[in-house]
PDB file of N, CA and C in Angstrom:
ATOM      1  N   MET A   1      89.246 112.058 100.061  1.00  0.00           N
ATOM      2  CA  MET A   1      90.755 112.545  98.949  1.00  0.00           C
ATOM      3  C   MET A   1      91.448 111.028  99.559  1.00  0.00           C
ATOM      4  N   LEU A   2      91.590 110.802 100.132  1.00  0.00           N
ATOM      5  CA  LEU A   2      93.154 109.907 100.422  1.00  0.00           C
ATOM      6  C   LEU A   2      93.139 108.814  99.767  1.00  0.00           C
ATOM      7  N   GLN A   3      91.955 108.282  99.196  1.00  0.00           N
ATOM      8  CA  GLN A   3      91.308 107.237  99.063  1.00  0.00           C
ATOM      9  C   GLN A   3      91.847 107.351  97.258  1.00  0.00           C
ATOM     10  N   ILE A   4      92.057 108.175  96.683  1.00  0.00           N
ATOM     11  CA  ILE A   4      92.040 108.719  95.450  1.00  0.00           C
ATOM     12  C   ILE A   4      93.197 109.014  95.419  1.00  0.00           C
ATOM     13  N   CYS A   5      93.642 110.107  96.076  1.00  0.00           N
ATOM     14  CA  CYS A   5      95.452 109.853  96.331  1.00  0.00           C
ATOM     15  C   CYS A   5      96.424 108.112  95.833  1.00  0.00           C
ATOM     16  N   GLN A   6      95.573 107.760  97.019  1.00  0.00           N
ATOM     17  CA  GLN A   6      96.020 105.647  96.927  1.00  0.00           C
ATOM     18  C   GLN A   6      95.921 105.411  95.850  1.00  0.00           C
ATOM     19  N   ASP A   7      94.336 105.233  95.084  1.00  0.00           N
ATOM     20  CA  ASP A   7      94.471 104.744  93.702  1.00  0.00           C
ATOM     21  C   ASP A   7      94.882 105.277  92.216  1.00  0.00           C
ATOM     22  N   ASN A   8      95.023 105.743  92.531  1.00  0.00           N
ATOM     23  CA  ASN A   8      95.686 106.844  91.490  1.00  0.00           C
ATOM     24  C   ASN A   8      97.602 105.631  91.844  1.00  0.00           C
ATOM     25  N   TYR A   9      97.854 105.777  93.326  1.00  0.00           N
ATOM     26  CA  TYR A   9      99.718 105.248  93.267  1.00  0.00           C
ATOM     27  C   TYR A   9      99.287 103.885  93.144  1.00  0.00           C
ATOM     28  N   ASP A  10      97.807 103.422  92.981  1.00  0.00           N
ATOM     29  CA  ASP A  10      98.282 101.599  93.104  1.00  0.00           C
ATOM     30  C   ASP A  10      97.848 101.298  91.344  1.00  0.00           C
ATOM     31  N   ALA A  11      97.224 102.128  90.954  1.00  0.00           N
ATOM     32  CA  ALA A  11      97.175 102.378  88.885  1.00  0.00           C
ATOM     33  C   ALA A  11      98.141 102.865  88.962  1.00  0.00           C
ATOM     34  N   GLY A  12      99.409 103.452  89.228  1.00  0.00           N
ATOM     35  CA  GLY A  12     100.491 103.513  88.709  1.00  0.00           C
ATOM     36  C   GLY A  12     101.715 102.528  89.001  1.00  0.00           C
ATOM     37  N   ILE A  13     101.363 102.271  90.572  1.00  0.00           N
ATOM     38  CA  ILE A  13     102.189 100.673  90.232  1.00  0.00           C
ATOM     39  C   ILE A  13     101.929  99.413  88.683  1.00  0.00           C
ATOM     40  N   LYS A  14     100.484  99.523  88.732  1.00  0.00           N
ATOM     41  CA  LYS A  14      99.964  98.712  87.622  1.00  0.00           C
ATOM     42  C   LYS A  14     100.045  98.355  86.700  1.00  0.00           C
ATOM     43  N   ASN A  15     100.372  99.829  86.764  1.00  0.00           N
ATOM     44  CA  ASN A  15     100.223 100.554  84.591  1.00  0.00           C
ATOM     45  C   ASN A  15     101.226 101.685  85.000  1.00  0.00           C
ATOM     46  N   LYS A  16     102.609 101.254  84.261  1.00  0.00           N
ATOM     47  CA  LYS A  16     104.058 102.219  84.052  1.00  0.00           C
ATOM     48  C   LYS A  16     103.629 103.644  83.462  1.00  0.00           C
ATOM     49  N   ASN A  17     103.108 103.372  82.280  1.00  0.00           N
ATOM     50  CA  ASN A  17     101.916 104.497  81.055  1.00  0.00           C
ATOM     51  C   ASN A  17     101.560 105.603  82.525  1.00  0.00           C
ATOM     52  N   ILE A  18     100.497 105.199  83.376  1.00  0.00           N
ATOM     53  CA  ILE A  18     100.002 106.056  84.609  1.00  0.00           C
ATOM     54  C   ILE A  18     101.205 106.584  85.388  1.00  0.00           C
ATOM     55  N   LYS A  19     101.687 106.264  85.901  1.00  0.00           N
ATOM     56  CA  LYS A  19     102.158 106.540  86.437  1.00  0.00           C
ATOM     57  C   LYS A  19     102.973 107.432  87.008  1.00  0.00           C
ATOM     58  N   ARG A  20     102.489 108.133  88.380  1.00  0.00           N
ATOM     59  CA  ARG A  20     102.427 109.247  89.217  1.00  0.00           C
ATOM     60  C   ARG A  20     103.994 109.350  90.267  1.00  0.00           C
ATOM     61  N   LEU A  21     104.233 110.455  89.949  1.00  0.00           N
ATOM     62  CA  LEU A  21     105.954 110.357  91.238  1.00  0.00           C
ATOM     63  C   LEU A  21     105.001 110.782  92.763  1.00  0.00           C
ATOM     64  N   PHE A  22     105.797 110.115  93.540  1.00  0.00           N
ATOM     65  CA  PHE A  22     105.051 109.817  94.929  1.00  0.00           C
ATOM     66  C   PHE A  22     104.785 112.034  95.500  1.00  0.00           C
ATOM     67  N   GLY A  23     103.809 111.627  96.014  1.00  0.00           N
ATOM     68  CA  GLY A  23     103.941 113.563  96.507  1.00  0.00           C
ATOM     69  C   GLY A  23     102.598 113.600  95.906  1.00  0.00           C
ATOM     70  N   LEU A  24     102.665 112.847  94.269  1.00  0.00           N
ATOM     71  CA  LEU A  24     102.138 114.017  92.442  1.00  0.00           C
ATOM     72  C   LEU A  24     100.458 112.935  92.491  1.00  0.00           C
ATOM     73  N   GLU A  25     100.253 112.320  93.423  1.00  0.00           N
ATOM     74  CA  GLU A  25      99.326 111.405  93.325  1.00  0.00           C
ATOM     75  C   GLU A  25      97.755 111.777  92.716  1.00  0.00           C
ATOM     76  N   TRP A  26      97.570 113.523  92.913  1.00  0.00           N
ATOM     77  CA  TRP A  26      97.017 114.388  93.209  1.00  0.00           C
ATOM     78  C   TRP A  26      96.431 115.347  92.543  1.00  0.00           C
ATOM     79  N   ASN A  27      96.434 115.143  90.971  1.00  0.00           N
ATOM     80  CA  ASN A  27      96.326 117.098  90.620  1.00  0.00           C
ATOM     81  C   ASN A  27      95.547 117.424  90.263  1.00  0.00           C
ATOM     82  N   VAL A  28      95.088 118.303  89.174  1.00  0.00           N
ATOM     83  CA  VAL A  28      94.470 118.771  88.869  1.00  0.00           C
ATOM     84  C   VAL A  28      92.914 118.744  88.648  1.00  0.00           C
ATOM     85  N   GLU A  29      92.836 117.789  88.385  1.00  0.00           N
ATOM     86  CA  GLU A  29      91.702 117.224  86.774  1.00  0.00           C
ATOM     87  C   GLU A  29      91.157 116.032  88.374  1.00  0.00           C
ATOM     88  N   ASP A  30      91.798 115.980  88.795  1.00  0.00           N
ATOM     89  CA  ASP A  30      91.573 115.165  90.462  1.00  0.00           C
ATOM     90  C   ASP A  30      90.907 115.962  91.187  1.00  0.00           C
ATOM     91  N   MET A  31      91.663 116.838  91.899  1.00  0.00           N
ATOM     92  CA  MET A  31      90.455 118.109  92.666  1.00  0.00           C
ATOM     93  C   MET A  31      89.545 117.885  92.199  1.00  0.00           C
ATOM     94  N   VAL A  32      89.341 118.798  90.531  1.00  0.00           N
ATOM     95  CA  VAL A  32      87.473 119.162  89.855  1.00  0.00           C
ATOM     96  C   VAL A  32      86.821 117.964  89.518  1.00  0.00           C
ATOM     97  N   GLN A  33      87.722 116.922  89.732  1.00  0.00           N
ATOM     98  CA  GLN A  33      86.347 116.084  89.857  1.00  0.00           C
ATOM     99  C   GLN A  33      85.993 115.967  91.425  1.00  0.00           C
ATOM    100  N   HIS A  34      86.639 115.833  91.892  1.00  0.00           N
ATOM    101  CA  HIS A  34      85.960 115.873  93.413  1.00  0.00           C
ATOM    102  C   HIS A  34      85.099 116.533  94.402  1.00  0.00           C
ATOM    103  N   GLN A  35      86.237 118.331  93.615  1.00  0.00           N
ATOM    104  CA  GLN A  35      84.394 119.248  94.003  1.00  0.00           C
ATOM    105  C   GLN A  35      83.401 119.294  93.512  1.00  0.00           C
ATOM    106  N   GLU A  36      83.228 118.462  91.579  1.00  0.00           N
ATOM    107  CA  GLU A  36      81.948 118.486  91.393  1.00  0.00           C
ATOM    108  C   GLU A  36      80.692 117.309  92.009  1.00  0.00           C
ATOM    109  N   LYS A  37      81.571 116.622  92.921  1.00  0.00           N
ATOM    110  CA  LYS A  37      81.276 115.001  93.399  1.00  0.00           C
ATOM    111  C   LYS A  37      80.483 115.763  95.074  1.00  0.00           C
ATOM    112  N   MET A  38      81.559 116.691  95.517  1.00  0.00           N
ATOM    113  CA  MET A  38      81.196 117.068  96.514  1.00  0.00           C
ATOM    114  C   MET A  38      80.038 118.340  96.433  1.00  0.00           C
ATOM    115  N   LEU A  39      79.710 118.649  95.639  1.00  0.00           N
ATOM    116  CA  LEU A  39      79.020 120.044  94.893  1.00  0.00           C
ATOM    117  C   LEU A  39      77.711 119.104  95.113  1.00  0.00           C
ATOM    118  N   GLU A  40      77.311 117.928  94.237  1.00  0.00           N
ATOM    119  CA  GLU A  40      76.427 117.461  93.836  1.00  0.00           C
ATOM    120  C   GLU A  40      75.812 117.231  94.913  1.00  0.00           C
ATOM    121  N   ILE A  41      76.771 116.268  96.232  1.00  0.00           N
ATOM    122  CA  ILE A  41      76.007 115.803  97.222  1.00  0.00           C
ATOM    123  C   ILE A  41      75.956 116.623  98.649  1.00  0.00           C
ATOM    124  N   ILE A  42      76.594 118.213  98.638  1.00  0.00           N
ATOM    125  CA  ILE A  42      75.798 119.218  98.706  1.00  0.00           C
ATOM    126  C   ILE A  42      74.751 119.538  98.659  1.00  0.00           C
ATOM    127  N   MET A  43      74.914 119.949  97.382  1.00  0.00           N
ATOM    128  CA  MET A  43      73.045 120.255  96.808  1.00  0.00           C
ATOM    129  C   MET A  43      72.264 119.402  96.888  1.00  0.00           C
ATOM    130  N   ASN A  44      72.360 118.217  97.001  1.00  0.00           N
ATOM    131  CA  ASN A  44      71.183 117.853  96.912  1.00  0.00           C
ATOM    132  C   ASN A  44      71.029 116.783  98.191  1.00  0.00           C
ATOM    133  N   TYR A  45      71.505 117.271  99.254  1.00  0.00           N
ATOM    134  CA  TYR A  45      71.654 117.029 100.531  1.00  0.00           C
ATOM    135  C   TYR A  45      69.431 117.598 101.105  1.00  0.00           C
TER     136      TYR A  45
END
């Protein structure tokens, strides 16, 4: 989760069009994607 926040923040530094405010690097879309990845890992374990 922290890596996603860091990647989003870094992407915003490189591309001002996708910049997210500090503290908002993690949004609902990110949460849904993370949930899907975690469920896939858990269900395939």
